[in-house]
Amino acid sequence: MKMRVAASVAVTVLATMTLAGCQFITPQDTSLPYTQGDGVNGSVGDVRFRNLFLIDGPENTASLVGVVASSSSSATSVTLQWTGAQGPETKTLEIPASGLISLSTTPSTPAASVPGAAASVILEDVKADPGALFPITFSSSSKDKDVRIPVLTGSFSQYATLVPTPTPTETPSPDVTDSLAPTDGATPTPTPTDSLAG
């Protein structure tokens, strides 16, 4: 009887030690950092960006949404570079000293919850497919950071107002007077009508 009790205790102790050891071997998801939002976070030099994502728009356009901040005591510039249909495209943002910029499709009406300046970064002629990750390189203080930014759509109600509209292209209207003017520089001779002929 004593042998059975001792064996039972030994098995229980061994099982407890084995199960308890899992927490030292297997990483716990709750202890890992993650982005609490739809976008991505990161930093380059003194510049930090938070919750960045793209909203897909019509005619191969996309709008960059999120917050870009600087911890520097002086104004800081950050350059964004991506690849469009015509090749590399760039956009430079000037961030105030120890300030931030809210990126929105319509910078005149930034989110009330985000203080600071506002700017708009609209990508044109790009292949930014919803559900994919679009690469943008951030450069500041002679440092570069390649960021893969998630592409979302305006089908969600909270993003419906963030869908970009393509920049309209102006087509010159034909000048009517030019089409009536003689091409050889001669003055046109009026043709008599039947009512005036004798």
N, C-alpha and C. Protein backbone atom coordinates (compact mmCIF):
# COMPACT_ATOMS: atom_id res chain seq x y z
N MET A 1 0.83 -1.19 0.00
CA MET A 1 0.00 0.00 0.00
C MET A 1 0.87 1.24 0.00
N LYS A 2 1.90 1.24 0.82
CA LYS A 2 2.80 2.38 0.89
C LYS A 2 3.50 2.60 -0.45
N MET A 3 3.77 1.50 -1.14
CA MET A 3 4.44 1.61 -2.44
C MET A 3 3.55 2.31 -3.45
N ARG A 4 2.24 1.99 -3.41
CA ARG A 4 1.31 2.61 -4.34
C ARG A 4 1.19 4.11 -4.07
N VAL A 5 1.11 4.47 -2.81
CA VAL A 5 1.01 5.89 -2.45
C VAL A 5 2.26 6.63 -2.89
N ALA A 6 3.40 6.03 -2.64
CA ALA A 6 4.67 6.67 -3.04
C ALA A 6 4.75 6.81 -4.54
N ALA A 7 4.31 5.80 -5.27
CA ALA A 7 4.34 5.87 -6.74
C ALA A 7 3.38 6.93 -7.25
N SER A 8 2.20 7.02 -6.60
CA SER A 8 1.20 8.03 -7.00
C SER A 8 1.74 9.43 -6.77
N VAL A 9 2.38 9.63 -5.63
CA VAL A 9 2.96 10.95 -5.32
C VAL A 9 4.07 11.27 -6.30
N ALA A 10 4.87 10.30 -6.62
CA ALA A 10 5.99 10.52 -7.56
C ALA A 10 5.47 10.91 -8.94
N VAL A 11 4.41 10.22 -9.39
CA VAL A 11 3.83 10.54 -10.70
C VAL A 11 3.25 11.95 -10.69
N THR A 12 2.56 12.32 -9.61
CA THR A 12 1.96 13.66 -9.50
C THR A 12 3.02 14.74 -9.50
N VAL A 13 4.09 14.55 -8.78
CA VAL A 13 5.18 15.52 -8.72
C VAL A 13 5.84 15.65 -10.08
N LEU A 14 6.06 14.52 -10.76
CA LEU A 14 6.70 14.53 -12.06
C LEU A 14 5.82 15.26 -13.09
N ALA A 15 4.52 15.01 -13.06
CA ALA A 15 3.59 15.67 -13.99
C ALA A 15 3.54 17.16 -13.73
N THR A 16 3.52 17.54 -12.46
CA THR A 16 3.48 18.97 -12.11
C THR A 16 4.73 19.68 -12.59
N MET A 17 5.88 19.05 -12.38
CA MET A 17 7.14 19.67 -12.81
C MET A 17 7.20 19.78 -14.33
N THR A 18 6.68 18.75 -15.03
CA THR A 18 6.71 18.77 -16.50
C THR A 18 5.82 19.88 -17.04
N LEU A 19 4.60 19.98 -16.51
CA LEU A 19 3.67 21.02 -16.97
C LEU A 19 4.16 22.41 -16.60
N ALA A 20 4.73 22.55 -15.42
CA ALA A 20 5.23 23.86 -15.00
C ALA A 20 6.41 24.30 -15.84
N GLY A 21 7.16 23.33 -16.35
CA GLY A 21 8.32 23.68 -17.17
C GLY A 21 7.96 24.24 -18.53
N CYS A 22 6.71 24.04 -18.97
CA CYS A 22 6.30 24.54 -20.29
C CYS A 22 6.38 26.06 -20.37
N GLN A 23 6.10 26.73 -19.27
CA GLN A 23 6.11 28.18 -19.31
C GLN A 23 7.52 28.74 -19.46
N PHE A 24 8.53 27.95 -19.18
CA PHE A 24 9.90 28.40 -19.36
C PHE A 24 10.41 28.11 -20.77
N ILE A 25 9.76 27.17 -21.45
CA ILE A 25 10.19 26.78 -22.79
C ILE A 25 9.38 27.47 -23.87
N THR A 26 8.06 27.46 -23.73
CA THR A 26 7.15 28.02 -24.73
C THR A 26 6.89 29.50 -24.44
N PRO A 27 7.14 30.40 -25.42
CA PRO A 27 6.86 31.82 -25.17
C PRO A 27 5.36 32.06 -25.02
N GLN A 28 5.01 32.93 -24.09
CA GLN A 28 3.61 33.23 -23.83
C GLN A 28 3.19 34.42 -24.69
N ASP A 29 2.08 34.27 -25.40
CA ASP A 29 1.60 35.32 -26.29
C ASP A 29 1.30 36.61 -25.54
N THR A 30 0.85 36.49 -24.31
CA THR A 30 0.49 37.69 -23.56
C THR A 30 1.69 38.53 -23.16
N SER A 31 2.88 37.93 -23.24
CA SER A 31 4.09 38.69 -22.87
C SER A 31 4.78 39.30 -24.07
N LEU A 32 4.25 39.06 -25.28
CA LEU A 32 4.87 39.59 -26.49
C LEU A 32 4.22 40.92 -26.88
N PRO A 33 5.03 41.91 -27.32
CA PRO A 33 4.45 43.19 -27.74
C PRO A 33 3.70 43.04 -29.06
N TYR A 34 2.61 43.77 -29.21
CA TYR A 34 1.84 43.74 -30.45
C TYR A 34 1.15 45.08 -30.64
N THR A 35 0.75 45.36 -31.88
CA THR A 35 0.10 46.61 -32.21
C THR A 35 -1.39 46.50 -31.94
N GLN A 36 -1.91 47.37 -31.11
CA GLN A 36 -3.33 47.35 -30.79
C GLN A 36 -4.07 48.23 -31.79
N GLY A 37 -4.22 47.76 -32.98
CA GLY A 37 -4.91 48.51 -34.02
C GLY A 37 -4.75 47.81 -35.35
N ASP A 38 -5.26 48.46 -36.39
CA ASP A 38 -5.18 47.87 -37.72
C ASP A 38 -3.86 48.16 -38.41
N GLY A 39 -3.11 49.17 -37.93
CA GLY A 39 -1.87 49.57 -38.57
C GLY A 39 -0.64 49.00 -37.91
N VAL A 40 0.51 49.54 -38.29
CA VAL A 40 1.79 49.09 -37.75
C VAL A 40 2.50 50.24 -37.06
N ASN A 41 3.38 49.90 -36.13
CA ASN A 41 4.20 50.88 -35.41
C ASN A 41 5.66 50.70 -35.79
N GLY A 42 6.46 51.74 -35.54
CA GLY A 42 7.89 51.65 -35.78
C GLY A 42 8.57 52.96 -35.51
N SER A 43 9.84 53.03 -35.80
CA SER A 43 10.60 54.26 -35.59
C SER A 43 11.82 54.27 -36.50
N VAL A 44 12.29 55.48 -36.78
CA VAL A 44 13.54 55.68 -37.52
C VAL A 44 14.15 56.98 -37.03
N GLY A 45 15.37 56.91 -36.49
CA GLY A 45 15.98 58.10 -35.91
C GLY A 45 15.15 58.62 -34.75
N ASP A 46 14.83 59.91 -34.78
CA ASP A 46 13.99 60.53 -33.74
C ASP A 46 12.51 60.46 -34.09
N VAL A 47 12.18 59.84 -35.20
CA VAL A 47 10.80 59.82 -35.68
C VAL A 47 10.13 58.50 -35.30
N ARG A 48 8.92 58.61 -34.77
CA ARG A 48 8.13 57.42 -34.43
C ARG A 48 6.83 57.49 -35.22
N PHE A 49 6.37 56.35 -35.71
CA PHE A 49 5.08 56.31 -36.38
C PHE A 49 4.20 55.27 -35.71
N ARG A 50 2.93 55.61 -35.62
CA ARG A 50 1.98 54.78 -34.90
C ARG A 50 0.74 54.51 -35.74
N ASN A 51 0.32 53.25 -35.74
CA ASN A 51 -0.91 52.80 -36.38
C ASN A 51 -1.02 53.26 -37.83
N LEU A 52 0.02 53.02 -38.61
CA LEU A 52 0.02 53.39 -40.02
C LEU A 52 -0.65 52.30 -40.86
N PHE A 53 -1.55 52.73 -41.74
CA PHE A 53 -2.16 51.82 -42.71
C PHE A 53 -2.58 52.60 -43.94
N LEU A 54 -2.83 51.89 -45.02
CA LEU A 54 -3.26 52.49 -46.27
C LEU A 54 -4.73 52.18 -46.51
N ILE A 55 -5.46 53.16 -47.04
CA ILE A 55 -6.84 52.96 -47.47
C ILE A 55 -6.85 52.93 -49.00
N ASP A 56 -7.29 51.82 -49.55
CA ASP A 56 -7.32 51.66 -51.00
C ASP A 56 -8.38 52.57 -51.61
N GLY A 57 -8.03 53.19 -52.75
CA GLY A 57 -8.95 54.07 -53.45
C GLY A 57 -9.10 53.69 -54.90
N PRO A 58 -9.93 54.41 -55.64
CA PRO A 58 -10.13 54.08 -57.06
C PRO A 58 -8.94 54.51 -57.90
N GLU A 59 -8.83 53.92 -59.08
CA GLU A 59 -7.82 54.27 -60.06
C GLU A 59 -6.40 54.19 -59.49
N ASN A 60 -6.12 53.09 -58.78
CA ASN A 60 -4.76 52.82 -58.25
C ASN A 60 -4.25 53.92 -57.32
N THR A 61 -5.13 54.43 -56.46
CA THR A 61 -4.72 55.39 -55.45
C THR A 61 -4.82 54.75 -54.07
N ALA A 62 -4.12 55.34 -53.11
CA ALA A 62 -4.18 54.88 -51.72
C ALA A 62 -3.81 56.05 -50.82
N SER A 63 -4.43 56.09 -49.66
CA SER A 63 -4.19 57.18 -48.71
C SER A 63 -3.51 56.62 -47.46
N LEU A 64 -2.42 57.26 -47.04
CA LEU A 64 -1.70 56.84 -45.85
C LEU A 64 -2.34 57.49 -44.62
N VAL A 65 -2.68 56.67 -43.64
CA VAL A 65 -3.35 57.14 -42.43
C VAL A 65 -2.53 56.71 -41.22
N GLY A 66 -2.47 57.58 -40.20
CA GLY A 66 -1.75 57.26 -38.98
C GLY A 66 -1.16 58.52 -38.35
N VAL A 67 -0.19 58.34 -37.47
CA VAL A 67 0.44 59.44 -36.77
C VAL A 67 1.95 59.30 -36.88
N VAL A 68 2.62 60.42 -37.20
CA VAL A 68 4.09 60.46 -37.25
C VAL A 68 4.54 61.52 -36.25
N ALA A 69 5.39 61.15 -35.31
CA ALA A 69 5.82 62.06 -34.25
C ALA A 69 7.33 62.12 -34.17
N SER A 70 7.83 63.18 -33.53
CA SER A 70 9.28 63.36 -33.35
C SER A 70 9.58 63.67 -31.89
N SER A 71 10.64 63.06 -31.38
CA SER A 71 11.09 63.31 -30.01
C SER A 71 12.22 64.32 -29.98
N SER A 72 12.60 64.86 -31.14
CA SER A 72 13.70 65.81 -31.21
C SER A 72 13.28 67.19 -30.70
N SER A 73 14.22 67.93 -30.14
CA SER A 73 13.92 69.28 -29.64
C SER A 73 13.89 70.30 -30.77
N SER A 74 14.21 69.89 -31.98
CA SER A 74 14.14 70.78 -33.14
C SER A 74 13.28 70.11 -34.22
N ALA A 75 12.86 70.90 -35.18
CA ALA A 75 12.03 70.38 -36.26
C ALA A 75 12.76 69.26 -37.01
N THR A 76 12.04 68.24 -37.38
CA THR A 76 12.62 67.07 -38.02
C THR A 76 11.88 66.78 -39.32
N SER A 77 12.63 66.38 -40.32
CA SER A 77 12.00 65.98 -41.58
C SER A 77 12.13 64.47 -41.75
N VAL A 78 11.09 63.87 -42.31
CA VAL A 78 11.10 62.45 -42.62
C VAL A 78 10.62 62.29 -44.06
N THR A 79 11.36 61.49 -44.83
CA THR A 79 11.04 61.28 -46.23
C THR A 79 10.47 59.89 -46.43
N LEU A 80 9.36 59.82 -47.13
CA LEU A 80 8.72 58.55 -47.46
C LEU A 80 8.99 58.23 -48.92
N GLN A 81 9.37 57.01 -49.21
CA GLN A 81 9.63 56.60 -50.59
C GLN A 81 8.93 55.28 -50.87
N TRP A 82 8.28 55.21 -52.04
CA TRP A 82 7.61 54.00 -52.47
C TRP A 82 7.73 53.90 -53.99
N THR A 83 7.34 52.78 -54.54
CA THR A 83 7.44 52.55 -55.97
C THR A 83 6.06 52.59 -56.61
N GLY A 84 5.90 53.49 -57.58
CA GLY A 84 4.65 53.58 -58.33
C GLY A 84 4.83 53.03 -59.72
N ALA A 85 3.82 53.23 -60.56
CA ALA A 85 3.87 52.70 -61.92
C ALA A 85 4.97 53.37 -62.74
N GLN A 86 5.28 54.63 -62.42
CA GLN A 86 6.30 55.38 -63.16
C GLN A 86 7.69 55.29 -62.52
N GLY A 87 7.81 54.57 -61.40
CA GLY A 87 9.09 54.47 -60.72
C GLY A 87 9.02 54.98 -59.30
N PRO A 88 10.16 55.29 -58.67
CA PRO A 88 10.18 55.75 -57.28
C PRO A 88 9.45 57.08 -57.09
N GLU A 89 8.68 57.17 -56.01
CA GLU A 89 7.97 58.39 -55.62
C GLU A 89 8.38 58.75 -54.20
N THR A 90 8.45 60.06 -53.90
CA THR A 90 8.84 60.49 -52.56
C THR A 90 7.91 61.58 -52.05
N LYS A 91 7.84 61.66 -50.74
CA LYS A 91 7.08 62.70 -50.06
C LYS A 91 7.81 63.02 -48.76
N THR A 92 8.07 64.30 -48.51
CA THR A 92 8.78 64.71 -47.29
C THR A 92 7.83 65.44 -46.35
N LEU A 93 7.86 65.06 -45.08
CA LEU A 93 7.03 65.68 -44.06
C LEU A 93 7.93 66.41 -43.07
N GLU A 94 7.51 67.61 -42.67
CA GLU A 94 8.23 68.38 -41.66
C GLU A 94 7.48 68.27 -40.34
N ILE A 95 8.13 67.66 -39.35
CA ILE A 95 7.49 67.46 -38.05
C ILE A 95 7.99 68.52 -37.09
N PRO A 96 7.08 69.23 -36.40
CA PRO A 96 7.51 70.25 -35.44
C PRO A 96 8.34 69.65 -34.31
N ALA A 97 9.11 70.48 -33.64
CA ALA A 97 9.93 70.02 -32.52
C ALA A 97 9.04 69.38 -31.46
N SER A 98 9.40 68.19 -31.08
CA SER A 98 8.64 67.42 -30.07
C SER A 98 7.15 67.41 -30.39
N GLY A 99 6.82 67.37 -31.68
CA GLY A 99 5.43 67.40 -32.10
C GLY A 99 5.06 66.19 -32.93
N LEU A 100 3.88 66.27 -33.52
CA LEU A 100 3.40 65.16 -34.32
C LEU A 100 2.55 65.66 -35.48
N ILE A 101 2.37 64.79 -36.46
CA ILE A 101 1.53 65.06 -37.62
C ILE A 101 0.53 63.93 -37.76
N SER A 102 -0.74 64.31 -37.87
CA SER A 102 -1.79 63.34 -38.10
C SER A 102 -1.98 63.19 -39.60
N LEU A 103 -1.79 61.99 -40.12
CA LEU A 103 -1.95 61.73 -41.55
C LEU A 103 -3.38 61.32 -41.83
N SER A 104 -4.02 62.06 -42.72
CA SER A 104 -5.41 61.80 -43.05
C SER A 104 -5.64 62.12 -44.51
N THR A 105 -6.69 61.53 -45.09
CA THR A 105 -7.01 61.83 -46.48
C THR A 105 -7.40 63.29 -46.65
N THR A 106 -8.14 63.81 -45.66
CA THR A 106 -8.55 65.22 -45.67
C THR A 106 -7.92 65.89 -44.47
N PRO A 107 -6.73 66.48 -44.61
CA PRO A 107 -6.03 67.04 -43.45
C PRO A 107 -6.72 68.24 -42.83
N SER A 108 -7.67 68.86 -43.54
CA SER A 108 -8.35 70.02 -42.96
C SER A 108 -9.30 69.60 -41.85
N THR A 109 -9.63 68.32 -41.79
CA THR A 109 -10.51 67.82 -40.73
C THR A 109 -9.88 66.61 -40.05
N PRO A 110 -8.77 66.81 -39.30
CA PRO A 110 -8.13 65.67 -38.62
C PRO A 110 -8.99 65.17 -37.48
N ALA A 111 -8.69 63.99 -37.01
CA ALA A 111 -9.44 63.42 -35.89
C ALA A 111 -9.26 64.29 -34.66
N ALA A 112 -10.37 64.54 -33.97
CA ALA A 112 -10.32 65.40 -32.79
C ALA A 112 -9.48 64.79 -31.68
N SER A 113 -9.34 63.46 -31.70
CA SER A 113 -8.58 62.79 -30.65
C SER A 113 -7.07 62.88 -30.87
N VAL A 114 -6.64 63.38 -32.04
CA VAL A 114 -5.22 63.47 -32.34
C VAL A 114 -4.82 64.94 -32.45
N PRO A 115 -4.11 65.47 -31.44
CA PRO A 115 -3.69 66.87 -31.52
C PRO A 115 -2.52 67.05 -32.46
N GLY A 116 -2.19 68.31 -32.76
CA GLY A 116 -1.02 68.59 -33.59
C GLY A 116 -1.40 68.94 -35.01
N ALA A 117 -0.39 69.01 -35.87
CA ALA A 117 -0.60 69.37 -37.27
C ALA A 117 -1.18 68.19 -38.04
N ALA A 118 -1.58 68.46 -39.29
CA ALA A 118 -2.16 67.41 -40.13
C ALA A 118 -1.59 67.52 -41.52
N ALA A 119 -1.51 66.40 -42.20
CA ALA A 119 -0.99 66.36 -43.57
C ALA A 119 -1.67 65.23 -44.31
N SER A 120 -1.54 65.26 -45.63
CA SER A 120 -2.12 64.23 -46.47
C SER A 120 -1.03 63.61 -47.34
N VAL A 121 -1.00 62.29 -47.39
CA VAL A 121 -0.07 61.56 -48.25
C VAL A 121 -0.90 60.62 -49.12
N ILE A 122 -1.13 61.02 -50.37
CA ILE A 122 -1.90 60.22 -51.30
C ILE A 122 -0.95 59.58 -52.30
N LEU A 123 -0.96 58.26 -52.37
CA LEU A 123 -0.14 57.52 -53.32
C LEU A 123 -0.96 57.32 -54.59
N GLU A 124 -0.38 57.68 -55.73
CA GLU A 124 -1.07 57.53 -57.00
C GLU A 124 -0.29 56.58 -57.91
N ASP A 125 -1.03 55.91 -58.78
CA ASP A 125 -0.44 54.93 -59.70
C ASP A 125 0.33 53.85 -58.96
N VAL A 126 -0.30 53.30 -57.91
CA VAL A 126 0.34 52.22 -57.15
C VAL A 126 -0.57 50.99 -57.16
N LYS A 127 0.05 49.85 -56.98
CA LYS A 127 -0.69 48.60 -56.87
C LYS A 127 -0.73 48.22 -55.40
N ALA A 128 -1.73 48.76 -54.70
CA ALA A 128 -1.92 48.48 -53.28
C ALA A 128 -3.19 47.68 -53.12
N ASP A 129 -3.06 46.36 -53.10
CA ASP A 129 -4.22 45.48 -53.04
C ASP A 129 -4.70 45.33 -51.60
N PRO A 130 -6.01 45.46 -51.37
CA PRO A 130 -6.55 45.26 -50.02
C PRO A 130 -6.18 43.88 -49.47
N GLY A 131 -5.74 43.87 -48.23
CA GLY A 131 -5.31 42.63 -47.59
C GLY A 131 -3.83 42.37 -47.73
N ALA A 132 -3.16 43.13 -48.60
CA ALA A 132 -1.72 42.94 -48.80
C ALA A 132 -0.93 43.92 -47.94
N LEU A 133 0.39 43.80 -47.99
CA LEU A 133 1.30 44.71 -47.30
C LEU A 133 2.06 45.50 -48.35
N PHE A 134 2.00 46.84 -48.23
CA PHE A 134 2.65 47.71 -49.22
C PHE A 134 3.93 48.28 -48.62
N PRO A 135 5.08 48.14 -49.30
CA PRO A 135 6.35 48.61 -48.73
C PRO A 135 6.58 50.11 -48.93
N ILE A 136 6.90 50.80 -47.84
CA ILE A 136 7.28 52.21 -47.86
C ILE A 136 8.55 52.35 -47.02
N THR A 137 9.53 53.09 -47.53
CA THR A 137 10.77 53.33 -46.81
C THR A 137 10.72 54.71 -46.14
N PHE A 138 10.96 54.75 -44.83
CA PHE A 138 11.01 55.98 -44.07
C PHE A 138 12.47 56.35 -43.84
N SER A 139 12.83 57.60 -44.12
CA SER A 139 14.21 58.05 -43.94
C SER A 139 14.23 59.31 -43.09
N SER A 140 15.10 59.31 -42.07
CA SER A 140 15.26 60.48 -41.21
C SER A 140 16.58 60.35 -40.47
N SER A 141 17.28 61.48 -40.33
CA SER A 141 18.56 61.51 -39.60
C SER A 141 19.54 60.48 -40.17
N SER A 142 19.61 60.41 -41.50
CA SER A 142 20.53 59.51 -42.21
C SER A 142 20.28 58.04 -41.89
N LYS A 143 19.06 57.73 -41.48
CA LYS A 143 18.70 56.34 -41.21
C LYS A 143 17.48 55.97 -42.04
N ASP A 144 17.41 54.71 -42.43
CA ASP A 144 16.29 54.22 -43.23
C ASP A 144 15.57 53.10 -42.49
N LYS A 145 14.27 53.02 -42.74
CA LYS A 145 13.46 51.95 -42.16
C LYS A 145 12.45 51.50 -43.19
N ASP A 146 12.53 50.22 -43.59
CA ASP A 146 11.56 49.66 -44.53
C ASP A 146 10.37 49.14 -43.74
N VAL A 147 9.19 49.64 -44.10
CA VAL A 147 7.97 49.28 -43.38
C VAL A 147 6.97 48.69 -44.36
N ARG A 148 6.39 47.57 -43.99
CA ARG A 148 5.34 46.94 -44.80
C ARG A 148 4.00 47.31 -44.17
N ILE A 149 3.24 48.11 -44.88
CA ILE A 149 2.04 48.72 -44.33
C ILE A 149 0.79 47.99 -44.84
N PRO A 150 -0.11 47.60 -43.94
CA PRO A 150 -1.32 46.89 -44.37
C PRO A 150 -2.25 47.79 -45.18
N VAL A 151 -2.90 47.20 -46.17
CA VAL A 151 -3.83 47.93 -47.03
C VAL A 151 -5.26 47.53 -46.66
N LEU A 152 -6.07 48.51 -46.29
CA LEU A 152 -7.46 48.29 -45.93
C LEU A 152 -8.37 48.95 -46.95
N THR A 153 -9.66 48.74 -46.82
CA THR A 153 -10.62 49.36 -47.73
C THR A 153 -11.58 50.24 -46.95
N GLY A 154 -12.32 51.06 -47.68
CA GLY A 154 -13.32 51.93 -47.06
C GLY A 154 -14.64 51.25 -46.84
N SER A 155 -14.68 49.91 -46.99
CA SER A 155 -15.93 49.19 -46.79
C SER A 155 -16.35 49.19 -45.32
N PHE A 156 -15.37 49.38 -44.42
CA PHE A 156 -15.70 49.53 -43.01
C PHE A 156 -16.18 50.95 -42.76
N SER A 157 -17.23 51.09 -41.97
CA SER A 157 -17.83 52.41 -41.77
C SER A 157 -16.85 53.41 -41.18
N GLN A 158 -15.93 52.96 -40.31
CA GLN A 158 -15.00 53.89 -39.68
C GLN A 158 -13.95 54.41 -40.65
N TYR A 159 -13.82 53.75 -41.82
CA TYR A 159 -12.83 54.18 -42.79
C TYR A 159 -13.45 54.74 -44.06
N ALA A 160 -14.76 54.82 -44.11
CA ALA A 160 -15.44 55.23 -45.35
C ALA A 160 -15.05 56.63 -45.78
N THR A 161 -14.79 57.53 -44.83
CA THR A 161 -14.44 58.91 -45.17
C THR A 161 -12.97 59.08 -45.52
N LEU A 162 -12.18 58.01 -45.43
CA LEU A 162 -10.75 58.10 -45.68
C LEU A 162 -10.36 57.64 -47.07
N VAL A 163 -11.32 57.23 -47.87
CA VAL A 163 -11.02 56.76 -49.23
C VAL A 163 -10.59 57.95 -50.09
N PRO A 164 -9.41 57.87 -50.72
CA PRO A 164 -8.94 58.99 -51.55
C PRO A 164 -9.69 59.08 -52.87
N THR A 165 -9.73 60.28 -53.41
CA THR A 165 -10.30 60.49 -54.75
C THR A 165 -9.16 60.86 -55.68
N PRO A 166 -9.14 60.30 -56.88
CA PRO A 166 -8.05 60.60 -57.81
C PRO A 166 -8.00 62.07 -58.18
N THR A 167 -6.80 62.58 -58.42
CA THR A 167 -6.63 63.95 -58.87
C THR A 167 -7.13 64.07 -60.30
N PRO A 168 -8.12 64.95 -60.55
CA PRO A 168 -8.64 65.06 -61.92
C PRO A 168 -7.59 65.61 -62.87
N THR A 169 -7.54 65.06 -64.06
CA THR A 169 -6.61 65.55 -65.08
C THR A 169 -7.36 66.48 -66.03
N GLU A 170 -6.77 67.63 -66.29
CA GLU A 170 -7.40 68.62 -67.14
C GLU A 170 -7.15 68.28 -68.61
N THR A 171 -8.23 68.26 -69.39
CA THR A 171 -8.11 68.07 -70.83
C THR A 171 -8.45 69.38 -71.51
N PRO A 172 -7.54 69.88 -72.34
CA PRO A 172 -7.79 71.18 -72.98
C PRO A 172 -9.00 71.10 -73.91
N SER A 173 -9.88 72.12 -73.81
CA SER A 173 -11.06 72.15 -74.67
C SER A 173 -10.67 72.77 -76.01
N PRO A 174 -11.20 72.25 -77.11
CA PRO A 174 -10.84 72.79 -78.43
C PRO A 174 -11.35 74.21 -78.61
N ASP A 175 -10.54 75.04 -79.24
CA ASP A 175 -10.91 76.43 -79.50
C ASP A 175 -11.67 76.48 -80.83
N VAL A 176 -12.91 76.95 -80.76
CA VAL A 176 -13.77 76.96 -81.95
C VAL A 176 -13.24 77.92 -83.00
N THR A 177 -12.69 79.04 -82.55
CA THR A 177 -12.20 80.03 -83.52
C THR A 177 -11.01 79.51 -84.29
N ASP A 178 -10.18 78.68 -83.63
CA ASP A 178 -9.02 78.14 -84.33
C ASP A 178 -9.44 77.21 -85.45
N SER A 179 -10.53 76.47 -85.25
CA SER A 179 -10.95 75.53 -86.28
C SER A 179 -11.54 76.24 -87.49
N LEU A 180 -12.00 77.50 -87.30
CA LEU A 180 -12.58 78.25 -88.42
C LEU A 180 -11.55 79.10 -89.15
N ALA A 181 -10.40 79.32 -88.54
CA ALA A 181 -9.40 80.19 -89.15
C ALA A 181 -8.72 79.46 -90.30
N PRO A 182 -8.38 80.19 -91.40
CA PRO A 182 -7.67 79.56 -92.53
C PRO A 182 -6.27 79.16 -92.12
N THR A 183 -5.79 78.08 -92.65
CA THR A 183 -4.47 77.56 -92.27
C THR A 183 -3.35 78.19 -93.06
N ASP A 184 -3.62 78.80 -94.22
CA ASP A 184 -2.53 79.33 -95.04
C ASP A 184 -2.32 80.83 -94.84
N GLY A 185 -3.05 81.43 -93.89
CA GLY A 185 -2.88 82.84 -93.62
C GLY A 185 -3.67 83.74 -94.54
N ALA A 186 -4.37 83.21 -95.55
CA ALA A 186 -5.15 84.03 -96.49
C ALA A 186 -6.48 84.40 -95.87
N THR A 187 -7.03 85.55 -96.33
CA THR A 187 -8.34 85.99 -95.85
C THR A 187 -9.41 85.24 -96.62
N PRO A 188 -10.34 84.62 -95.91
CA PRO A 188 -11.36 83.84 -96.62
C PRO A 188 -12.24 84.74 -97.47
N THR A 189 -12.58 84.28 -98.70
CA THR A 189 -13.44 85.02 -99.61
C THR A 189 -14.87 84.55 -99.44
N PRO A 190 -15.79 85.50 -99.16
CA PRO A 190 -17.19 85.08 -98.97
C PRO A 190 -17.77 84.51 -100.24
N THR A 191 -18.55 83.47 -100.11
CA THR A 191 -19.20 82.82 -101.25
C THR A 191 -20.59 83.43 -101.45
N PRO A 192 -20.93 83.93 -102.66
CA PRO A 192 -22.26 84.52 -102.86
C PRO A 192 -23.31 83.43 -102.79
N THR A 193 -24.46 83.81 -102.27
CA THR A 193 -25.57 82.87 -102.18
C THR A 193 -26.48 83.05 -103.36
N ASP A 194 -27.40 82.10 -103.55
CA ASP A 194 -28.31 82.16 -104.69
C ASP A 194 -29.23 83.36 -104.61
N SER A 195 -29.56 83.80 -103.36
CA SER A 195 -30.50 84.90 -103.23
C SER A 195 -29.87 86.22 -103.68
N LEU A 196 -28.56 86.32 -103.69
CA LEU A 196 -27.89 87.55 -104.09
C LEU A 196 -27.45 87.49 -105.54
N ALA A 197 -27.45 86.33 -106.15
CA ALA A 197 -27.00 86.24 -107.54
C ALA A 197 -28.02 86.85 -108.47
N GLY A 198 -27.58 87.67 -109.54
CA GLY A 198 -28.49 88.37 -110.43
C GLY A 198 -28.96 87.52 -111.54
